[in-house]
Protein backbone atom coordinates (compact mmCIF):
# COMPACT_ATOMS: atom_id res chain seq x y z
CA MET A 1 6.34 2.56 -28.21
CA THR A 2 8.59 5.62 -28.24
CA ILE A 3 9.05 7.06 -24.78
CA PRO A 4 9.11 10.84 -24.72
CA THR A 5 11.85 12.54 -23.01
CA LEU A 6 11.29 14.53 -19.71
CA ASP A 7 13.26 17.50 -18.57
CA LEU A 8 13.72 16.97 -14.76
CA SER A 9 15.82 20.13 -14.34
CA THR A 10 12.94 22.55 -14.32
CA ALA A 11 9.66 20.47 -13.93
CA THR A 12 7.54 20.63 -10.72
CA LEU A 13 4.10 19.22 -9.93
CA LEU A 14 2.69 22.71 -9.67
CA ASP A 15 3.60 23.32 -13.34
CA SER A 16 1.16 20.53 -14.23
CA LEU A 17 -1.58 22.22 -12.11
CA ASP A 18 -1.31 25.84 -13.50
CA ASP A 19 -4.04 25.44 -16.06
CA LEU A 20 -6.53 23.57 -14.02
CA SER A 21 -8.48 26.83 -13.52
CA ARG A 22 -9.37 26.60 -17.16
CA CYS A 23 -10.64 23.02 -17.07
CA ARG A 24 -14.40 22.79 -16.52
CA GLU A 25 -15.39 20.02 -18.81
CA ARG A 26 -13.49 17.31 -16.79
CA GLY A 27 -13.25 16.76 -13.16
CA VAL A 28 -13.64 14.34 -10.16
CA THR A 29 -16.75 12.31 -9.23
CA PHE A 30 -16.77 11.74 -5.48
CA TYR A 31 -18.83 8.88 -4.05
CA ASN A 32 -20.08 9.56 -0.52
CA SER A 33 -20.47 6.92 2.21
CA ARG A 34 -23.78 5.80 0.79
CA GLY A 35 -22.36 5.42 -2.70
CA ARG A 36 -23.97 8.49 -4.13
CA PRO A 37 -21.89 10.48 -6.58
CA HIS A 38 -21.41 14.16 -6.98
CA ARG A 39 -18.94 15.89 -9.51
CA VAL A 40 -16.49 18.58 -9.01
CA PRO A 41 -14.91 20.22 -12.16
CA TYR A 42 -11.07 20.60 -11.96
CA ALA A 43 -11.43 24.39 -12.09
CA GLU A 44 -13.50 24.30 -8.92
CA LEU A 45 -11.20 21.72 -7.21
CA TRP A 46 -8.17 23.86 -7.89
CA ALA A 47 -9.97 27.06 -6.71
CA ARG A 48 -10.80 25.34 -3.45
CA SER A 49 -7.22 24.16 -3.16
CA LEU A 50 -5.89 27.75 -3.61
CA ARG A 51 -8.37 28.87 -0.89
CA PHE A 52 -6.94 26.19 1.41
CA ALA A 53 -3.41 27.44 0.58
CA SER A 54 -4.44 30.94 1.63
CA GLY A 55 -5.89 29.52 4.81
CA LEU A 56 -2.50 28.03 5.69
CA ARG A 57 -0.72 31.30 5.03
CA ARG A 58 -3.10 33.19 7.33
CA ARG A 59 -2.51 30.60 10.09
CA GLY A 60 1.18 31.55 9.80
CA LEU A 61 2.64 28.64 7.89
CA GLN A 62 5.62 29.51 5.86
CA PRO A 63 6.83 27.78 2.69
CA GLY A 64 8.84 24.73 3.63
CA GLU A 65 6.93 24.17 6.89
CA PRO A 66 5.14 20.79 6.89
CA ALA A 67 1.41 20.32 7.67
CA VAL A 68 0.10 17.21 9.04
CA LEU A 69 -3.21 16.15 7.45
CA VAL A 70 -5.75 13.84 9.18
CA LEU A 71 -8.55 13.76 6.65
CA PRO A 72 -10.54 10.52 6.07
CA ASP A 73 -12.89 12.13 3.56
CA PRO A 74 -11.21 11.80 0.08
CA GLU A 75 -12.62 15.22 -1.20
CA GLU A 76 -11.15 17.08 1.74
CA ALA A 77 -7.91 15.20 1.56
CA ILE A 78 -7.35 15.91 -2.18
CA VAL A 79 -8.17 19.55 -1.80
CA ALA A 80 -5.92 19.92 1.28
CA THR A 81 -3.02 17.98 -0.36
CA LEU A 82 -3.09 20.09 -3.43
CA GLY A 83 -3.57 23.30 -1.37
CA ALA A 84 -0.64 22.58 0.97
CA MET A 85 1.63 21.87 -2.07
CA ALA A 86 0.40 25.23 -3.58
CA ALA A 87 1.29 27.03 -0.36
CA GLY A 88 4.81 25.34 -0.42
CA CYS A 89 3.96 23.49 2.86
CA PRO A 90 4.75 19.86 2.38
CA PRO A 91 1.74 17.83 3.40
CA ALA A 92 2.26 14.85 5.59
CA PRO A 93 -1.01 12.85 5.19
CA ILE A 94 -1.60 10.23 7.94
CA TYR A 95 -4.34 7.72 8.56
CA PRO A 96 -7.10 8.75 11.01
CA PRO A 97 -8.05 6.75 14.12
CA ALA A 98 -10.50 4.02 13.31
CA SER A 99 -12.74 4.92 16.34
CA THR A 100 -12.45 6.63 19.74
CA LEU A 101 -10.80 3.44 21.14
CA GLY A 102 -8.01 3.94 18.72
CA VAL A 103 -7.31 7.48 19.67
CA PRO A 104 -4.42 6.77 22.20
CA ALA A 105 -2.42 4.74 19.72
CA PHE A 106 -3.12 7.32 17.04
CA LEU A 107 -1.85 10.23 19.22
CA ARG A 108 1.36 8.33 19.73
CA TYR A 109 1.75 7.96 15.97
CA LEU A 110 0.85 11.59 15.41
CA GLY A 111 3.41 12.62 18.02
CA HIS A 112 6.04 10.59 16.12
CA VAL A 113 5.12 12.13 12.76
CA ALA A 114 4.94 15.63 14.26
CA ALA A 115 8.46 15.24 15.97
CA ARG A 116 10.11 13.69 12.93
CA SER A 117 8.76 16.22 10.44
CA ARG A 118 8.93 19.15 12.87
CA ALA A 119 5.46 20.05 11.90
CA ARG A 120 3.55 22.46 14.17
CA HIS A 121 0.19 22.46 12.60
CA VAL A 122 -2.41 19.64 12.17
CA ILE A 123 -5.45 19.88 9.92
CA ALA A 124 -8.36 17.55 10.74
CA GLY A 125 -11.55 16.61 9.09
CA ALA A 126 -15.00 17.12 10.72
CA GLN A 127 -15.11 13.38 11.55
CA VAL A 128 -11.97 13.29 13.58
CA PHE A 129 -11.59 16.88 14.78
CA PRO A 130 -13.59 16.23 18.03
CA PHE A 131 -11.04 13.46 18.97
CA LEU A 132 -8.05 15.78 18.69
CA GLY A 133 -8.65 18.49 21.22
CA ALA A 134 -5.81 17.35 23.42
CA VAL A 135 -3.18 17.21 20.65
CA PRO A 136 -1.63 20.62 21.40
CA ARG A 137 -1.26 19.60 25.11
CA ASP A 138 -0.17 15.98 24.56
CA VAL A 139 1.96 16.23 21.37
CA ARG A 140 5.09 18.19 21.82
CA GLY A 141 5.70 20.89 19.27
CA VAL A 142 2.14 20.97 17.89
CA ARG A 143 0.69 24.45 18.32
CA GLY A 144 -2.86 23.65 17.36
CA VAL A 145 -5.34 21.63 15.35
CA ASP A 146 -7.39 23.39 12.67
CA ARG A 147 -10.64 22.17 11.19
CA PHE A 148 -10.48 21.73 7.44
CA GLY A 149 -13.61 23.69 6.83
CA ALA A 150 -12.25 26.81 8.69
CA LEU A 151 -9.28 26.95 6.37
CA ILE A 152 -11.24 26.39 3.13
CA ALA A 153 -13.36 29.44 3.94
CA GLU A 154 -10.49 31.82 3.29
CA PRO A 155 -10.30 33.84 -0.13
CA PRO A 156 -8.06 32.16 -2.74
CA GLY A 157 -4.45 33.05 -3.19
CA THR A 158 -1.84 32.01 -5.71
CA ALA A 159 0.56 29.00 -5.74
CA VAL A 160 4.25 29.48 -4.75
CA CYS A 161 7.03 29.19 -7.27
CA ALA A 162 8.39 25.80 -6.39
CA ARG A 163 11.88 24.31 -7.38
CA PRO A 164 12.46 20.82 -8.54
CA GLU A 165 14.55 20.11 -5.41
CA ASP A 166 11.86 21.35 -3.04
CA ILE A 167 9.86 18.79 -0.95
CA ALA A 168 6.48 18.18 -2.56
CA PHE A 169 5.12 16.04 0.34
CA LEU A 170 6.21 13.73 3.07
CA GLN A 171 5.25 9.99 2.78
CA PHE A 172 5.68 8.24 6.09
CA THR A 173 6.54 4.57 5.59
CA SER A 174 4.10 1.97 6.61
CA GLY A 175 6.11 0.90 9.71
CA SER A 176 5.64 -2.94 8.95
CA THR A 177 9.28 -3.58 9.89
CA SER A 178 10.44 -0.47 11.92
CA ALA A 179 9.28 2.90 13.25
CA PRO A 180 7.76 4.87 10.45
CA LYS A 181 10.16 7.28 8.74
CA GLY A 182 9.24 10.35 6.72
CA VAL A 183 10.25 9.94 3.06
CA ALA A 184 11.01 13.34 1.58
CA VAL A 185 9.43 13.34 -1.88
CA THR A 186 10.77 16.18 -4.01
CA HIS A 187 8.97 17.65 -7.00
CA ARG A 188 11.65 16.29 -9.22
CA CYS A 189 11.06 12.76 -7.93
CA LEU A 190 7.27 13.08 -8.00
CA VAL A 191 7.23 14.36 -11.64
CA ALA A 192 9.59 11.58 -12.74
CA ASN A 193 7.55 8.84 -11.10
CA LEU A 194 4.24 10.18 -12.42
CA TRP A 195 5.75 10.21 -15.96
CA MET A 196 7.06 6.64 -15.47
CA ILE A 197 3.54 5.39 -14.42
CA ARG A 198 1.63 6.99 -17.20
CA THR A 199 4.22 5.86 -19.81
CA ALA A 200 4.37 2.25 -18.74
CA SER A 201 0.47 2.08 -18.25
CA ARG A 202 -0.22 4.00 -21.55
CA MET A 203 -2.41 6.56 -19.83
CA ASP A 204 -3.53 9.19 -22.25
CA GLU A 205 -6.16 11.98 -22.55
CA ARG A 206 -8.95 9.34 -23.21
CA SER A 207 -8.17 7.50 -20.03
CA ALA A 208 -10.41 7.50 -16.96
CA VAL A 209 -9.23 6.56 -13.37
CA VAL A 210 -11.44 4.99 -10.67
CA THR A 211 -10.06 4.57 -7.18
CA TRP A 212 -10.88 3.78 -3.56
CA LEU A 213 -7.29 3.84 -2.29
CA PRO A 214 -6.64 6.17 0.62
CA VAL A 215 -5.09 9.58 -0.32
CA TYR A 216 -2.77 9.20 2.72
CA HIS A 217 -1.03 6.21 0.97
CA ASP A 218 1.37 6.68 -2.02
CA MET A 219 -0.39 4.21 -4.26
CA GLY A 220 -3.70 6.09 -3.95
CA LEU A 221 -2.09 9.65 -3.96
CA ILE A 222 0.47 9.21 -6.71
CA GLY A 223 -0.62 6.09 -8.68
CA THR A 224 -4.27 7.16 -9.26
CA VAL A 225 -5.24 10.61 -8.03
CA LEU A 226 -2.31 12.81 -8.92
CA ASN A 227 -1.77 11.03 -12.30
CA ALA A 228 -5.39 11.78 -13.21
CA ILE A 229 -5.44 15.41 -11.97
CA THR A 230 -2.17 16.42 -13.60
CA MET A 231 -3.43 14.90 -16.89
CA GLN A 232 -6.88 16.40 -16.48
CA ILE A 233 -8.69 13.20 -17.20
CA GLU A 234 -11.87 11.90 -15.69
CA LEU A 235 -11.41 10.71 -12.01
CA ALA A 236 -13.80 8.86 -9.76
CA VAL A 237 -12.99 8.52 -6.08
CA MET A 238 -14.59 6.62 -3.05
CA SER A 239 -13.20 6.03 0.43
CA PRO A 240 -11.66 2.77 1.58
CA ARG A 241 -14.43 2.34 4.11
CA THR A 242 -17.11 2.59 1.37
CA PHE A 243 -15.15 0.02 -0.80
CA LEU A 244 -14.79 -2.42 2.16
CA ARG A 245 -18.56 -2.18 2.97
CA GLU A 246 -19.46 -2.61 -0.75
CA PRO A 247 -16.67 -3.85 -2.92
CA THR A 248 -18.91 -4.09 -5.96
CA LEU A 249 -19.40 -0.28 -5.94
CA TRP A 250 -15.62 0.01 -7.16
CA LEU A 251 -16.47 -2.21 -10.17
CA ARG A 252 -19.82 -0.57 -10.85
CA ALA A 253 -18.15 2.78 -10.89
CA ILE A 254 -15.51 1.45 -13.43
CA SER A 255 -18.45 0.09 -15.53
CA HIS A 256 -20.41 3.40 -15.30
CA HIS A 257 -17.46 5.78 -15.93
CA ARG A 258 -15.79 3.49 -18.60
CA GLY A 259 -12.71 3.40 -16.46
CA THR A 260 -9.37 2.40 -17.94
CA HIS A 261 -6.94 2.49 -14.99
CA THR A 262 -7.18 1.59 -11.33
CA ALA A 263 -5.06 0.02 -8.63
CA ALA A 264 -5.52 -2.09 -5.47
CA PRO A 265 -3.66 -4.41 -3.22
CA ASN A 266 -3.97 -8.17 -3.70
CA PHE A 267 -6.62 -8.64 -0.90
CA ALA A 268 -9.02 -6.32 -2.74
CA TYR A 269 -9.17 -8.64 -5.75
CA GLY A 270 -9.81 -11.61 -3.56
CA LEU A 271 -12.62 -9.75 -1.75
CA CYS A 272 -14.30 -8.79 -4.97
CA ALA A 273 -14.12 -12.37 -6.34
CA LYS A 274 -15.96 -13.63 -3.20
CA ARG A 275 -18.58 -10.77 -3.21
CA ILE A 276 -19.64 -10.43 -6.83
CA ALA A 277 -22.88 -12.28 -7.45
CA GLN A 278 -23.90 -11.06 -10.85
CA PRO A 279 -20.75 -10.27 -12.88
CA SER A 280 -22.70 -10.26 -16.09
CA GLU A 281 -24.34 -6.97 -14.97
CA LEU A 282 -21.00 -5.19 -15.18
CA ASP A 283 -19.09 -4.12 -18.36
CA LEU A 284 -15.34 -4.07 -17.66
CA SER A 285 -14.27 -4.12 -21.31
CA SER A 286 -12.90 -0.61 -21.14
CA MET A 287 -10.29 -1.54 -18.52
CA ARG A 288 -6.65 -1.52 -19.72
CA VAL A 289 -4.90 -1.74 -16.34
CA PHE A 290 -5.77 -3.29 -13.05
CA ILE A 291 -2.59 -2.49 -11.06
CA CYS A 292 -1.91 -5.09 -8.23
CA GLY A 293 0.72 -3.96 -5.70
CA ALA A 294 1.43 -2.54 -2.16
CA GLU A 295 1.39 -6.10 -0.72
CA PRO A 296 2.60 -9.59 -1.75
CA ILE A 297 0.84 -10.81 -4.93
CA VAL A 298 -0.81 -14.27 -4.82
CA PRO A 299 -1.40 -15.65 -8.34
CA GLU A 300 -4.39 -17.56 -7.51
CA THR A 301 -6.20 -14.63 -6.25
CA LEU A 302 -5.72 -12.68 -9.48
CA GLU A 303 -6.78 -15.70 -11.47
CA ARG A 304 -9.96 -16.16 -9.42
CA PHE A 305 -10.66 -12.45 -9.99
CA THR A 306 -10.28 -12.67 -13.70
CA THR A 307 -12.22 -16.00 -14.07
CA GLN A 308 -15.14 -14.64 -11.85
CA LEU A 309 -15.28 -11.43 -13.89
CA ALA A 310 -15.00 -12.96 -17.37
CA PRO A 311 -18.77 -12.48 -17.84
CA ALA A 312 -18.19 -8.76 -17.28
CA ARG A 313 -15.83 -8.79 -20.43
CA LEU A 314 -12.71 -8.25 -18.37
CA HIS A 315 -9.61 -9.33 -20.33
CA PRO A 316 -6.91 -11.16 -18.20
CA SER A 317 -4.26 -9.12 -19.85
CA ALA A 318 -5.52 -6.13 -17.87
CA MET A 319 -4.03 -7.49 -14.69
CA VAL A 320 -0.85 -5.69 -14.00
CA PRO A 321 1.36 -6.89 -11.07
CA ALA A 322 3.75 -4.07 -9.96
CA TYR A 323 6.44 -3.44 -7.35
CA GLY A 324 7.42 -0.28 -5.57
CA LEU A 325 8.20 1.58 -2.37
CA ALA A 326 7.90 5.01 -0.90
CA GLU A 327 11.63 5.57 -0.93
CA ALA A 328 11.55 5.38 -4.85
CA THR A 329 8.49 7.79 -4.82
CA LEU A 330 6.21 4.73 -5.79
CA ALA A 331 6.58 2.56 -8.86
CA VAL A 332 9.75 0.57 -9.48
CA SER A 333 8.65 -2.10 -11.95
CA PHE A 334 5.55 -2.73 -13.99
CA MET A 335 4.23 -5.66 -15.97
CA PRO A 336 4.52 -4.72 -19.76
CA TYR A 337 1.25 -3.45 -21.14
CA GLY A 338 -1.02 -6.21 -22.21
CA MET A 339 1.06 -9.10 -20.97
CA GLY A 340 -1.19 -9.91 -17.84
CA LEU A 341 -0.07 -12.19 -15.00
CA ARG A 342 3.07 -14.18 -15.61
CA CYS A 343 4.47 -16.71 -13.09
CA ASP A 344 7.83 -18.43 -12.71
CA GLU A 345 7.32 -22.05 -11.57
CA VAL A 346 10.46 -22.96 -9.54
CA ASP A 347 11.83 -25.54 -7.18
CA ALA A 348 10.62 -24.58 -3.67
CA GLY A 349 13.53 -26.21 -1.99
CA ALA A 350 16.20 -24.60 -4.15
CA LEU A 351 14.66 -21.18 -3.77
CA GLY A 352 14.58 -21.38 0.02
CA GLU A 353 17.95 -23.29 0.58
CA ASP A 354 20.15 -22.30 -2.19
CA ARG A 355 18.69 -18.94 -3.20
CA LEU A 356 18.26 -20.14 -6.59
CA ALA A 357 15.16 -19.88 -8.79
CA GLN A 358 15.45 -23.00 -10.89
CA PRO A 359 12.74 -25.04 -12.65
CA ALA A 360 11.01 -27.67 -10.60
CA VAL A 361 11.87 -31.11 -12.11
CA GLY A 362 11.84 -34.66 -11.04
CA GLY A 363 9.04 -34.51 -8.58
CA ALA A 364 10.50 -31.32 -6.79
CA ARG A 365 7.99 -29.22 -4.90
CA LEU A 366 6.77 -26.43 -7.22
CA LEU A 367 6.33 -22.85 -6.27
CA ARG A 368 4.72 -20.14 -8.42
CA VAL A 369 6.41 -16.82 -8.14
CA PRO A 370 4.58 -13.92 -9.86
CA SER A 371 6.54 -11.41 -12.00
CA CYS A 372 6.16 -7.87 -11.03
CA GLY A 373 7.34 -6.86 -14.54
CA VAL A 374 10.31 -4.90 -15.73
CA ALA A 375 12.02 -1.67 -14.59
CA MET A 376 10.08 1.51 -15.00
CA PRO A 377 11.61 3.62 -17.89
CA GLY A 378 14.56 5.60 -16.51
CA LEU A 379 15.06 3.22 -13.52
CA ASP A 380 17.72 0.51 -13.03
CA ILE A 381 17.22 -2.57 -10.87
CA ARG A 382 19.90 -4.97 -9.62
CA ILE A 383 20.18 -7.90 -7.24
CA VAL A 384 22.94 -8.12 -4.64
CA ASP A 385 24.05 -10.66 -2.07
CA PRO A 386 22.53 -9.23 1.14
CA GLU A 387 25.56 -10.27 3.12
CA THR A 388 28.47 -9.25 0.88
CA GLY A 389 26.79 -6.58 -1.23
CA GLN A 390 28.08 -8.17 -4.33
CA HIS A 391 26.09 -8.19 -7.53
CA VAL A 392 24.52 -11.69 -8.34
CA GLY A 393 23.41 -13.11 -11.62
CA ASP A 394 19.99 -13.94 -13.05
CA ARG A 395 17.86 -16.33 -10.94
CA MET A 396 19.89 -15.69 -7.79
CA VAL A 397 17.83 -14.39 -4.79
CA GLY A 398 19.24 -11.35 -3.15
CA GLU A 399 18.37 -7.89 -2.10
CA ILE A 400 16.60 -5.75 -4.59
CA GLN A 401 18.32 -2.29 -5.18
CA VAL A 402 17.00 0.59 -7.34
CA ARG A 403 18.74 3.61 -8.96
CA GLY A 404 17.13 6.47 -10.99
CA PRO A 405 15.50 9.90 -10.93
CA SER A 406 12.55 8.97 -8.72
CA VAL A 407 14.68 7.68 -5.84
CA THR A 408 14.11 10.18 -3.14
CA PRO A 409 16.89 11.94 -1.27
CA GLY A 410 16.07 10.18 2.00
CA TYR A 411 14.23 10.59 5.23
CA ILE A 412 13.47 13.93 6.67
CA HIS A 413 15.72 14.80 9.58
CA ASP A 414 17.19 11.32 9.78
CA ALA A 415 20.59 11.26 8.34
CA GLU A 416 21.44 7.91 10.02
CA ALA A 417 18.52 6.07 8.46
CA THR A 418 19.16 7.77 5.18
CA ALA A 419 22.72 6.70 5.02
CA ALA A 420 21.74 3.05 6.03
CA SER A 421 19.40 2.96 2.96
CA ARG A 422 22.11 3.76 0.54
CA ALA A 423 24.72 1.66 -1.21
CA ALA A 424 27.73 2.87 -3.21
CA GLY A 425 26.92 4.24 -6.68
CA GLY A 426 23.65 5.88 -5.71
CA TRP A 427 21.75 2.55 -5.25
CA LEU A 428 18.81 2.47 -2.84
CA ARG A 429 18.64 -0.58 -0.56
CA THR A 430 15.09 -1.74 -0.48
CA GLY A 431 15.45 -4.48 2.18
CA ASP A 432 13.25 -6.66 -0.16
CA LEU A 433 14.42 -10.04 -1.50
CA GLY A 434 14.00 -11.04 -5.21
CA TYR A 435 15.59 -12.26 -8.36
CA LEU A 436 15.72 -11.15 -11.97
CA ALA A 437 15.04 -13.49 -14.85
CA GLY A 438 14.72 -12.44 -18.54
CA GLY A 439 14.48 -8.83 -17.43
CA HIS A 440 11.59 -9.44 -15.12
CA LEU A 441 11.59 -8.86 -11.36
CA TYR A 442 10.34 -11.57 -9.02
CA PRO A 443 10.05 -10.26 -5.49
CA CYS A 444 10.25 -13.03 -2.74
CA GLY A 445 9.83 -11.20 0.61
CA ARG A 446 11.92 -9.12 2.92
CA THR A 447 15.32 -9.79 4.26
CA LYS A 448 14.01 -9.70 7.74
CA ASP A 449 11.23 -12.19 7.01
CA VAL A 450 13.29 -15.20 6.19
CA ILE A 451 12.51 -18.05 8.50
CA ILE A 452 15.23 -20.65 9.24
CA VAL A 453 13.56 -23.90 10.46
CA ARG A 454 15.46 -27.12 10.91
CA GLY A 455 18.22 -25.94 8.60
CA ARG A 456 15.82 -24.69 5.83
CA ASN A 457 15.28 -21.07 4.72
CA LEU A 458 11.62 -20.34 4.25
CA HIS A 459 10.07 -17.10 2.96
CA ALA A 460 7.18 -15.92 5.10
CA HIS A 461 5.27 -14.76 2.08
CA ASP A 462 5.22 -18.27 0.48
CA ILE A 463 3.76 -19.75 3.62
CA GLU A 464 1.21 -16.98 4.04
CA ALA A 465 0.15 -17.38 0.40
CA LEU A 466 -0.44 -21.00 0.73
CA ALA A 467 -2.50 -20.71 3.91
CA GLY A 468 -4.36 -17.69 2.64
CA ALA A 469 -5.51 -19.63 -0.54
CA LEU A 470 -7.72 -21.85 1.57
CA ARG A 471 -11.52 -21.17 1.51
CA ASP A 472 -12.01 -20.61 5.27
CA VAL A 473 -8.94 -18.37 5.71
CA ARG A 474 -9.24 -14.59 5.15
CA THR A 475 -7.24 -13.70 2.10
CA GLY A 476 -4.29 -11.51 2.96
CA ASN A 477 -4.74 -12.06 6.72
CA VAL A 478 -2.16 -14.72 7.47
CA VAL A 479 1.26 -14.11 9.19
CA ALA A 480 4.13 -16.62 9.36
CA PHE A 481 7.22 -16.31 11.50
CA GLY A 482 9.85 -18.17 13.46
CA ALA A 483 9.73 -18.34 17.27
CA PRO A 484 12.13 -20.02 19.67
CA ASP A 485 10.97 -23.25 21.50
CA SER A 486 10.96 -22.43 25.35
CA ARG A 487 12.54 -25.81 26.08
CA SER A 488 14.92 -26.66 23.17
CA GLY A 489 15.62 -23.11 21.97
CA GLU A 490 15.23 -24.29 18.35
CA GLU A 491 13.28 -22.24 15.88
CA ARG A 492 9.62 -23.24 15.40
CA LEU A 493 7.46 -22.31 12.47
CA VAL A 494 4.29 -20.40 13.57
CA VAL A 495 1.31 -19.54 11.44
CA ILE A 496 -1.39 -17.05 12.57
CA ALA A 497 -4.51 -16.98 10.42
CA GLU A 498 -7.77 -15.09 10.55
CA SER A 499 -11.03 -16.81 9.88
CA ARG A 500 -14.73 -15.77 10.11
CA GLU A 501 -15.36 -19.20 11.50
CA PRO A 502 -12.97 -19.54 14.49
CA GLU A 503 -15.17 -22.36 15.93
CA ARG A 504 -13.80 -24.52 13.10
CA ALA A 505 -10.19 -23.89 14.11
CA GLY A 506 -9.09 -27.54 14.26
CA ALA A 507 -10.34 -28.26 10.68
CA ILE A 508 -8.94 -25.07 9.32
CA ALA A 509 -5.49 -25.72 11.04
CA ARG A 510 -5.29 -29.22 9.63
CA SER A 511 -5.98 -27.79 6.17
CA ILE A 512 -3.12 -25.23 6.59
CA ARG A 513 -0.77 -27.91 7.93
CA GLY A 514 -1.53 -30.12 4.80
CA GLN A 515 -1.25 -27.22 2.34
CA VAL A 516 2.06 -25.99 3.64
CA GLY A 517 3.52 -29.35 4.20
CA ASP A 518 2.62 -30.73 0.73
CA ALA A 519 3.98 -27.61 -1.00
CA LEU A 520 7.14 -26.90 1.02
CA GLY A 521 7.85 -30.00 2.85
CA VAL A 522 7.78 -28.38 6.25
CA VAL A 523 4.91 -28.73 8.69
CA PRO A 524 4.09 -25.65 10.92
CA ASP A 525 4.73 -26.30 14.61
CA ASP A 526 1.97 -24.13 15.82
CA ILE A 527 -1.13 -22.83 13.91
CA VAL A 528 -3.41 -20.31 15.58
CA ILE A 529 -6.79 -19.41 14.24
CA VAL A 530 -8.06 -16.03 15.29
CA PRO A 531 -11.08 -13.86 14.51
CA PRO A 532 -11.10 -11.03 11.95
CA GLY A 533 -9.38 -7.78 13.17
CA THR A 534 -6.92 -9.67 15.45
CA LEU A 535 -3.63 -9.23 13.40
CA PRO A 536 -2.03 -5.81 13.69
CA LYS A 537 -1.66 -3.84 10.46
CA THR A 538 -0.07 -0.66 9.16
CA SER A 539 -2.05 2.36 8.04
CA SER A 540 -1.94 0.99 4.45
CA GLY A 541 -3.13 -2.40 5.46
CA LYS A 542 0.18 -4.32 5.43
CA LEU A 543 0.49 -7.02 8.15
CA LYS A 544 2.96 -6.17 10.91
CA ARG A 545 4.91 -9.44 11.22
CA ALA A 546 7.35 -8.19 13.93
CA GLU A 547 4.48 -6.92 16.09
CA THR A 548 2.49 -10.09 15.54
CA ARG A 549 5.43 -12.22 16.64
CA SER A 550 6.02 -10.00 19.74
CA ARG A 551 2.39 -10.18 20.72
CA TYR A 552 2.24 -13.94 20.07
CA LEU A 553 5.32 -14.37 22.40
CA ASN A 554 4.07 -12.23 25.23
CA GLY A 555 0.45 -13.51 25.04
CA SER A 556 -1.22 -10.21 24.02
CA LEU A 557 -2.14 -11.20 20.46
CA PHE A 558 -5.32 -12.69 21.73
CA GLN A 559 -6.88 -9.54 23.13
CA PRO A 560 -9.24 -7.52 21.06
CA ARG A 561 -7.38 -4.58 19.35
CA ALA A 562 -8.61 -1.07 19.97
CA GLY A 563 -11.24 -0.10 17.41
CA SER A 564 -11.62 -3.58 16.09
CA LEU A 565 -15.40 -3.54 16.03
CA GLU A 566 -15.65 -6.53 13.75
CA THR A 567 -13.76 -8.67 16.35
CA VAL A 568 -16.04 -7.58 19.18
CA GLY A 569 -19.08 -8.25 16.93
CA ILE A 570 -18.10 -11.85 16.35
CA ALA A 571 -17.71 -12.42 20.04
CA LEU A 572 -21.12 -10.90 20.76
CA ARG A 573 -22.92 -12.80 17.94
CA SER A 574 -21.40 -16.12 18.95
CA GLY A 575 -21.98 -15.63 22.70
CA LEU A 576 -18.76 -17.48 23.23
CA SER A 577 -16.16 -15.61 25.31
CA HIS A 578 -13.53 -18.12 24.31
CA VAL A 579 -13.51 -16.87 20.70
CA MET A 580 -11.04 -14.18 21.93
CA ASN A 581 -8.73 -16.74 23.34
CA ARG A 582 -6.05 -18.85 21.81
CA VAL A 583 -7.35 -21.63 19.60
CA ARG A 584 -4.62 -24.07 18.72
CA ALA A 585 -4.36 -26.88 16.25
CA GLY A 586 -3.29 -29.85 18.34
């Protein structure tokens, strides 16, 4: 396929939105919390966005001044995001508190975002506005909280004349390994990455996008919503809560709208495979691309998904593993169109100990590493030794580094962190481990998540994938890490796994011990089975290994987390107070 050229010297996102006011035949179908749809033509969506932009100006916001958005409703979030960009006020969308119990932690996060971005205004949806009355008093620098509905009532204005180097929006990193940092995504970077995604995925005017991903996360905002809107193709959107309550609604919407493109993390495919009772009632034959990214990919999960949905006419080639990060705007690598899932079967010992991805022969323990495809058009990927910074050859594990037009200029008001993320020659240091083979990228984990146990280097992701593949373990809800033995001081391998059947902790732990031991030749020293909702996660659903390890060591992991209603519900239903306590595998 011939890749068209793109002039990044003048392009901005607003250029792609100019003629939305004339588009009435296509638009967005929003599904409410009950799964009922209503459609908004693009012309109406853009008019509301311009009214929101006018509202920001009347509140005194000037171009270049960020606005923090706390909008759990997808329709409000999309209108506000487009409107803030139109006003020249970079939106900083963040996740809302899960409940009133989570408000204190949320306010701390909001304070961090406001301080780092120097935002003085917060816009909240009707669902969360009542929780945020104390923000101007408790969060330094914030002047006030505006209700979304009050701003949208203003008469429409016009969009600013943006420049490619202007900041389009702020994407705060997940905070899975450190304090969240505000990635400054410029119009130039955003336009470049949108072009890369639609080129690699062969998105065209006949495409239709269906998504449940949150708009406050880059894969949802850029990978699905903005791509569809800027191309003026049909878009169907539901909230993450609606999807989690009824995963099949996502697939039914794809079937109904004849969807061609969507995206989700690995856990979503596992959840659907478990919940779909009548796949033959669906028709997924229109689907070209099911992107899988945002968290480690487990091959068995995607294989179960495609097998389970074969009666729905889903072709396995539609599965598209991908790799990306906020600092590169979003997408970095993408499985070539129509190739489907592809795995490298390597010697587990050599991968961990020698940092070498070599074929498993002679009875060596085999590990399946999924490919995340090839570099996006216009991007370069290289692998370097994380200690020396020297480039390494094919099949050698090292740090993944990226260079190209969608690599962002850095973190807002954080020159030190920006400098630390850069290597000579304009390369972005991702902090992720991986290797290249035949032009394909195979991510293996993060540099901070290598566990050294009894002289062996183990990747946390490999252990978590093995444990998460078991039937009684919640897919994507396993954390592995090393912890010092209080007596010997030696590193011990610890595995924490969520299960809906914590009363069977002993049997589940024995299965994990056997699964990990058989595959990697190392038996975990401590396996802890906990109820759903115990493990701390980021706003985008990534597990926080560092926080889990810290809470394990200080004993606070086994207390119910604020807002974790599912955990509380399990305790109430079982009538056993010890469910919330530590359950070990002896």
